[in-house]
Amino acid sequence: MYTRGMGATDKQIGGAIASTGGALLASARYTGPAAPFVAIAGAALEIGGAITSLFGPNPNNDIASGYVNQIEADIMKPNLAAWESESKTSVNQVAAEQNFTSGWNMVLQLCDNPALGSAGVNCVGDRQRGGKWDWWKMYYDPIANDPNVVSNPLSSVSSLFGGGSSLLPLFLIGGLLLAVSD
């Protein structure tokens, strides 16, 4: 990990952030109902832009703040906004929760760096449960505790028939109902 003051350029710092985002998303699926949430997580790759220093008394504060500001703007806020605008199915809920977790893991990986000193400690501590800016309360709980989540229609129906994904049992029942109604 490169940090300012230790020979790193903005481009190197940005590259380190982008590669972290890419590693977290390497196993993500890009199709199905979770696609909007995966697309938001893909924005993490845009974090590779330059992180500027304000040259304050502790440049590590600027670096840590840059990390979390980008993660919040590119992942946390859009993820919650997508959740609030999408159909609230259990599949979308899982995808949104995983997207939050990916963003949170980026915070942990980037800020839990001994070279950042107290700035890194505060970067994580201020955003964990009970922190000054509790991201769990702000961005995770509204998704995880949403009372309006519904089961996915096909998964509920298929579970009635042994969990298979085939619609054949529905067609058979539908045909029997038509035959009885004649």
Protein backbone atom coordinates (compact mmCIF):
# COMPACT_ATOMS: atom_id res chain seq x y z
CA MET A 1 0.00 0.00 0.00
CA TYR A 2 1.35 3.40 -0.91
CA THR A 3 0.83 6.41 1.32
CA ARG A 4 1.62 10.05 0.76
CA GLY A 5 4.93 11.09 2.22
CA MET A 6 6.44 7.68 1.54
CA GLY A 7 7.14 8.17 -2.16
CA ALA A 8 3.63 7.49 -3.44
CA THR A 9 1.96 9.59 -6.09
CA ASP A 10 -1.76 10.29 -6.35
CA LYS A 11 -1.85 7.89 -9.29
CA GLN A 12 -0.27 5.08 -7.22
CA ILE A 13 -2.68 5.68 -4.34
CA GLY A 14 -5.63 5.71 -6.73
CA GLY A 15 -4.38 2.52 -8.39
CA ALA A 16 -4.18 0.78 -5.03
CA ILE A 17 -7.78 1.74 -4.29
CA ALA A 18 -8.98 0.62 -7.72
CA SER A 19 -7.22 -2.73 -7.45
CA THR A 20 -8.82 -3.31 -4.04
CA GLY A 21 -12.26 -2.61 -5.52
CA GLY A 22 -11.57 -4.98 -8.41
CA ALA A 23 -10.53 -7.78 -6.07
CA LEU A 24 -13.71 -7.40 -4.02
CA LEU A 25 -15.89 -7.56 -7.12
CA ALA A 26 -14.08 -10.41 -8.85
CA SER A 27 -16.65 -12.99 -7.76
CA ALA A 28 -19.76 -10.83 -8.29
CA ARG A 29 -22.49 -11.93 -10.70
CA TYR A 30 -23.52 -9.40 -13.32
CA THR A 31 -26.94 -10.71 -14.35
CA GLY A 32 -30.35 -11.16 -12.82
CA PRO A 33 -32.31 -8.99 -10.44
CA ALA A 34 -29.20 -8.06 -8.46
CA ALA A 35 -27.58 -6.41 -11.51
CA PRO A 36 -28.36 -2.80 -10.41
CA PHE A 37 -26.57 -3.39 -7.11
CA VAL A 38 -23.59 -5.03 -8.78
CA ALA A 39 -23.38 -2.06 -11.15
CA ILE A 40 -23.20 0.26 -8.16
CA ALA A 41 -20.46 -1.89 -6.65
CA GLY A 42 -18.65 -1.58 -9.97
CA ALA A 43 -18.43 2.13 -9.29
CA ALA A 44 -15.82 1.20 -6.72
CA LEU A 45 -13.43 0.80 -9.62
CA GLU A 46 -13.86 4.52 -10.29
CA ILE A 47 -12.20 5.23 -6.96
CA GLY A 48 -8.92 5.00 -8.83
CA GLY A 49 -8.99 8.76 -9.42
CA ALA A 50 -6.49 11.02 -7.72
CA ILE A 51 -6.86 11.67 -4.02
CA THR A 52 -5.72 15.17 -3.33
CA SER A 53 -4.03 16.31 -0.18
CA LEU A 54 -4.90 19.55 1.51
CA PHE A 55 -1.45 19.58 3.13
CA GLY A 56 -2.89 20.06 6.59
CA PRO A 57 -0.99 19.24 9.75
CA ASN A 58 -1.59 15.50 9.20
CA PRO A 59 -1.76 14.47 5.54
CA ASN A 60 -2.91 11.02 6.66
CA ASN A 61 -6.23 12.59 7.66
CA ASP A 62 -6.69 13.73 4.08
CA ILE A 63 -5.83 10.30 2.70
CA ALA A 64 -8.20 8.45 5.06
CA SER A 65 -10.95 11.02 4.46
CA GLY A 66 -10.45 10.68 0.71
CA TYR A 67 -10.92 6.92 0.95
CA VAL A 68 -14.17 7.04 2.89
CA ASN A 69 -15.56 10.02 0.99
CA GLN A 70 -15.13 8.13 -2.29
CA ILE A 71 -16.57 4.88 -0.92
CA GLU A 72 -19.56 6.71 0.52
CA ALA A 73 -20.20 8.65 -2.69
CA ASP A 74 -19.59 5.76 -5.10
CA ILE A 75 -21.00 2.80 -3.17
CA MET A 76 -22.90 3.48 0.05
CA LYS A 77 -25.23 6.30 -1.01
CA PRO A 78 -26.05 4.89 -4.48
CA ASN A 79 -26.61 1.42 -3.01
CA LEU A 80 -29.17 2.75 -0.51
CA ALA A 81 -30.82 4.88 -3.21
CA ALA A 82 -31.08 1.84 -5.51
CA TRP A 83 -32.57 -0.21 -2.67
CA GLU A 84 -35.18 2.45 -2.01
CA SER A 85 -36.14 2.61 -5.69
CA GLU A 86 -36.01 -1.10 -6.64
CA SER A 87 -38.55 -3.80 -5.90
CA LYS A 88 -37.83 -5.01 -2.41
CA THR A 89 -37.38 -8.70 -3.02
CA SER A 90 -35.24 -10.96 -0.90
CA VAL A 91 -32.78 -11.39 -3.81
CA ASN A 92 -32.37 -7.61 -4.13
CA GLN A 93 -32.00 -7.36 -0.36
CA VAL A 94 -29.16 -9.90 -0.32
CA ALA A 95 -27.46 -8.11 -3.22
CA ALA A 96 -27.74 -4.71 -1.51
CA GLU A 97 -26.42 -6.13 1.76
CA GLN A 98 -23.49 -7.71 -0.07
CA ASN A 99 -22.80 -4.43 -1.82
CA PHE A 100 -22.68 -2.64 1.55
CA THR A 101 -20.36 -5.35 2.86
CA SER A 102 -18.04 -4.91 -0.13
CA GLY A 103 -17.86 -1.17 0.54
CA TRP A 104 -17.29 -1.73 4.24
CA ASN A 105 -14.51 -4.23 3.50
CA MET A 106 -12.86 -1.58 1.34
CA VAL A 107 -12.93 0.83 4.29
CA LEU A 108 -11.32 -1.82 6.49
CA GLN A 109 -8.65 -2.68 3.92
CA LEU A 110 -7.75 0.91 3.11
CA CYS A 111 -8.00 2.53 6.54
CA ASP A 112 -6.72 -0.30 8.72
CA ASN A 113 -3.20 0.58 7.66
CA PRO A 114 -0.58 1.23 10.35
CA ALA A 115 1.04 3.88 8.13
CA LEU A 116 -2.11 6.03 8.50
CA GLY A 117 -1.79 6.06 12.29
CA SER A 118 -4.68 7.59 14.21
CA ALA A 119 -6.28 8.77 10.96
CA GLY A 120 -6.77 5.16 9.90
CA VAL A 121 -8.10 4.16 13.32
CA ASN A 122 -10.59 7.04 13.26
CA CYS A 123 -11.50 6.29 9.65
CA VAL A 124 -12.87 2.90 10.72
CA GLY A 125 -13.99 3.76 14.26
CA ASP A 126 -16.05 6.77 13.24
CA ARG A 127 -18.03 4.65 10.75
CA GLN A 128 -18.54 1.42 12.69
CA ARG A 129 -21.62 0.72 14.81
CA GLY A 130 -21.93 3.43 17.43
CA GLY A 131 -19.35 5.64 15.71
CA LYS A 132 -19.67 9.34 14.96
CA TRP A 133 -21.02 8.54 11.47
CA ASP A 134 -22.47 5.06 11.97
CA TRP A 135 -22.55 3.68 8.40
CA TRP A 136 -24.24 0.51 9.61
CA LYS A 137 -27.16 2.51 10.94
CA MET A 138 -27.20 4.84 7.93
CA TYR A 139 -26.61 2.44 5.03
CA TYR A 140 -27.05 -1.17 6.19
CA ASP A 141 -29.94 -1.23 8.67
CA PRO A 142 -32.47 0.44 6.32
CA ILE A 143 -31.86 -2.47 3.92
CA ALA A 144 -31.52 -5.34 6.39
CA ASN A 145 -34.47 -4.27 8.56
CA ASP A 146 -36.85 -3.16 5.81
CA PRO A 147 -40.30 -4.54 6.69
CA ASN A 148 -41.44 -4.38 3.06
CA VAL A 149 -39.22 -7.18 1.73
CA VAL A 150 -41.14 -9.86 -0.15
CA SER A 151 -40.08 -13.32 -1.16
CA ASN A 152 -39.17 -13.83 -4.76
CA PRO A 153 -42.33 -15.14 -6.45
CA LEU A 154 -40.66 -17.97 -8.37
CA SER A 155 -38.58 -19.16 -5.44
CA SER A 156 -41.68 -19.33 -3.23
CA VAL A 157 -43.68 -21.28 -5.79
CA SER A 158 -40.85 -23.64 -6.65
CA SER A 159 -40.27 -24.43 -2.98
CA LEU A 160 -43.78 -25.87 -2.87
CA PHE A 161 -42.65 -28.46 -5.39
CA GLY A 162 -39.46 -29.63 -3.78
CA GLY A 163 -37.38 -26.54 -4.54
CA GLY A 164 -36.94 -27.26 -8.24
CA SER A 165 -36.87 -24.43 -10.69
CA SER A 166 -39.06 -26.16 -13.27
CA LEU A 167 -42.45 -24.65 -14.02
CA LEU A 168 -43.77 -28.05 -15.13
CA PRO A 169 -45.74 -28.62 -11.89
CA LEU A 170 -47.53 -25.30 -12.40
CA PHE A 171 -48.51 -26.22 -15.93
CA LEU A 172 -49.77 -29.61 -14.76
CA ILE A 173 -51.87 -28.06 -12.01
CA GLY A 174 -53.16 -25.43 -14.42
CA GLY A 175 -54.13 -28.15 -16.90
CA LEU A 176 -55.94 -30.12 -14.20
CA LEU A 177 -57.85 -27.04 -13.14
CA LEU A 178 -58.94 -26.39 -16.74
CA ALA A 179 -60.01 -30.00 -17.16
CA VAL A 180 -62.06 -29.92 -13.94
CA SER A 181 -63.73 -26.64 -14.86
CA ASP A 182 -65.02 -28.04 -18.18
